[in-house]
C-alpha atoms as a PDB file:
ATOM      1  CA  MET A   1     -81.046  85.481 166.175  1.00  0.00           C
ATOM      2  CA  SER A   2     -84.299  86.779 165.965  1.00  0.00           C
ATOM      3  CA  GLU A   3     -87.015  86.272 168.974  1.00  0.00           C
ATOM      4  CA  GLU A   4     -89.795  85.176 166.650  1.00  0.00           C
ATOM      5  CA  PRO A   5     -92.377  82.483 167.929  1.00  0.00           C
ATOM      6  CA  ILE A   6     -92.225  79.011 165.814  1.00  0.00           C
ATOM      7  CA  VAL A   7     -95.260  78.650 164.288  1.00  0.00           C
ATOM      8  CA  SER A   8     -96.036  74.980 162.853  1.00  0.00           C
ATOM      9  CA  ILE A   9     -98.142  74.968 159.535  1.00  0.00           C
ATOM     10  CA  PRO A  10    -100.539  71.896 159.557  1.00  0.00           C
ATOM     11  CA  SER A  11     -99.917  69.700 155.901  1.00  0.00           C
ATOM     12  CA  ASP A  12    -103.703  70.050 155.433  1.00  0.00           C
ATOM     13  CA  PRO A  13    -105.092  73.831 155.355  1.00  0.00           C
ATOM     14  CA  THR A  14    -108.692  72.258 156.263  1.00  0.00           C
ATOM     15  CA  PRO A  15    -108.723  69.680 158.564  1.00  0.00           C
ATOM     16  CA  ALA A  16    -112.099  68.067 159.205  1.00  0.00           C
ATOM     17  CA  PRO A  17    -113.431  68.938 162.902  1.00  0.00           C
ATOM     18  CA  PRO A  18    -113.761  65.788 164.925  1.00  0.00           C
ATOM     19  CA  ALA A  19    -116.813  63.533 164.725  1.00  0.00           C
ATOM     20  CA  GLN A  20    -119.322  63.884 167.875  1.00  0.00           C
ATOM     21  CA  PRO A  21    -122.095  61.464 169.103  1.00  0.00           C
ATOM     22  CA  THR A  22    -125.248  63.288 168.826  1.00  0.00           C
ATOM     23  CA  ASP A  23    -128.033  63.095 171.370  1.00  0.00           C
ATOM     24  CA  GLU A  24    -131.192  61.922 169.594  1.00  0.00           C
ATOM     25  CA  LYS A  25    -133.465  63.702 171.816  1.00  0.00           C
ATOM     26  CA  SER A  26    -131.924  67.370 171.658  1.00  0.00           C
ATOM     27  CA  GLY A  27    -130.125  66.879 168.458  1.00  0.00           C
ATOM     28  CA  GLU A  28    -127.008  68.536 169.925  1.00  0.00           C
ATOM     29  CA  ALA A  29    -123.605  67.022 170.551  1.00  0.00           C
ATOM     30  CA  ALA A  30    -123.334  64.576 173.355  1.00  0.00           C
ATOM     31  CA  ARG A  31    -121.357  65.636 176.253  1.00  0.00           C
ATOM     32  CA  PRO A  32    -118.703  63.328 176.970  1.00  0.00           C
ATOM     33  CA  ARG A  33    -119.019  61.736 180.280  1.00  0.00           C
ATOM     34  CA  GLU A  34    -116.159  63.718 182.108  1.00  0.00           C
ATOM     35  CA  ALA A  35    -117.884  66.699 181.504  1.00  0.00           C
ATOM     36  CA  HIS A  36    -119.099  67.140 184.974  1.00  0.00           C
ATOM     37  CA  LEU A  37    -115.264  67.253 186.336  1.00  0.00           C
ATOM     38  CA  ASP A  38    -113.474  70.233 186.712  1.00  0.00           C
ATOM     39  CA  LEU A  39    -110.376  69.930 185.162  1.00  0.00           C
ATOM     40  CA  ARG A  40    -109.071  73.578 185.841  1.00  0.00           C
ATOM     41  CA  MET A  41    -108.466  72.108 189.178  1.00  0.00           C
ATOM     42  CA  PRO A  42    -105.241  70.428 189.302  1.00  0.00           C
ATOM     43  CA  ILE A  43    -105.238  66.648 189.775  1.00  0.00           C
ATOM     44  CA  LEU A  44    -103.121  66.834 193.075  1.00  0.00           C
ATOM     45  CA  GLU A  45    -105.195  68.947 195.085  1.00  0.00           C
ATOM     46  CA  VAL A  46    -108.494  67.023 194.017  1.00  0.00           C
ATOM     47  CA  LEU A  47    -107.071  63.857 195.622  1.00  0.00           C
ATOM     48  CA  THR A  48    -105.409  65.518 198.586  1.00  0.00           C
ATOM     49  CA  ASN A  49    -108.386  68.567 199.363  1.00  0.00           C
ATOM     50  CA  PRO A  50    -110.902  66.906 202.052  1.00  0.00           C
ATOM     51  CA  ASN A  51    -113.261  69.698 201.415  1.00  0.00           C
ATOM     52  CA  LEU A  52    -114.197  68.078 197.783  1.00  0.00           C
ATOM     53  CA  PRO A  53    -117.073  65.499 198.024  1.00  0.00           C
ATOM     54  CA  ASP A  54    -115.872  61.935 197.057  1.00  0.00           C
ATOM     55  CA  LEU A  55    -115.432  61.267 193.356  1.00  0.00           C
END
């Protein structure tokens, strides 16, 4: 057996990018409501760390 990684090939070779709502003032893509949250931090640490501000 070879140790090659399995690469999945999508059936559609050119998938359309997801539509994003634009901000009328700047014309840029609007950031989602959760953009201010640091999702790199484990959720357990967020819930148990007393040094973090209240969400």
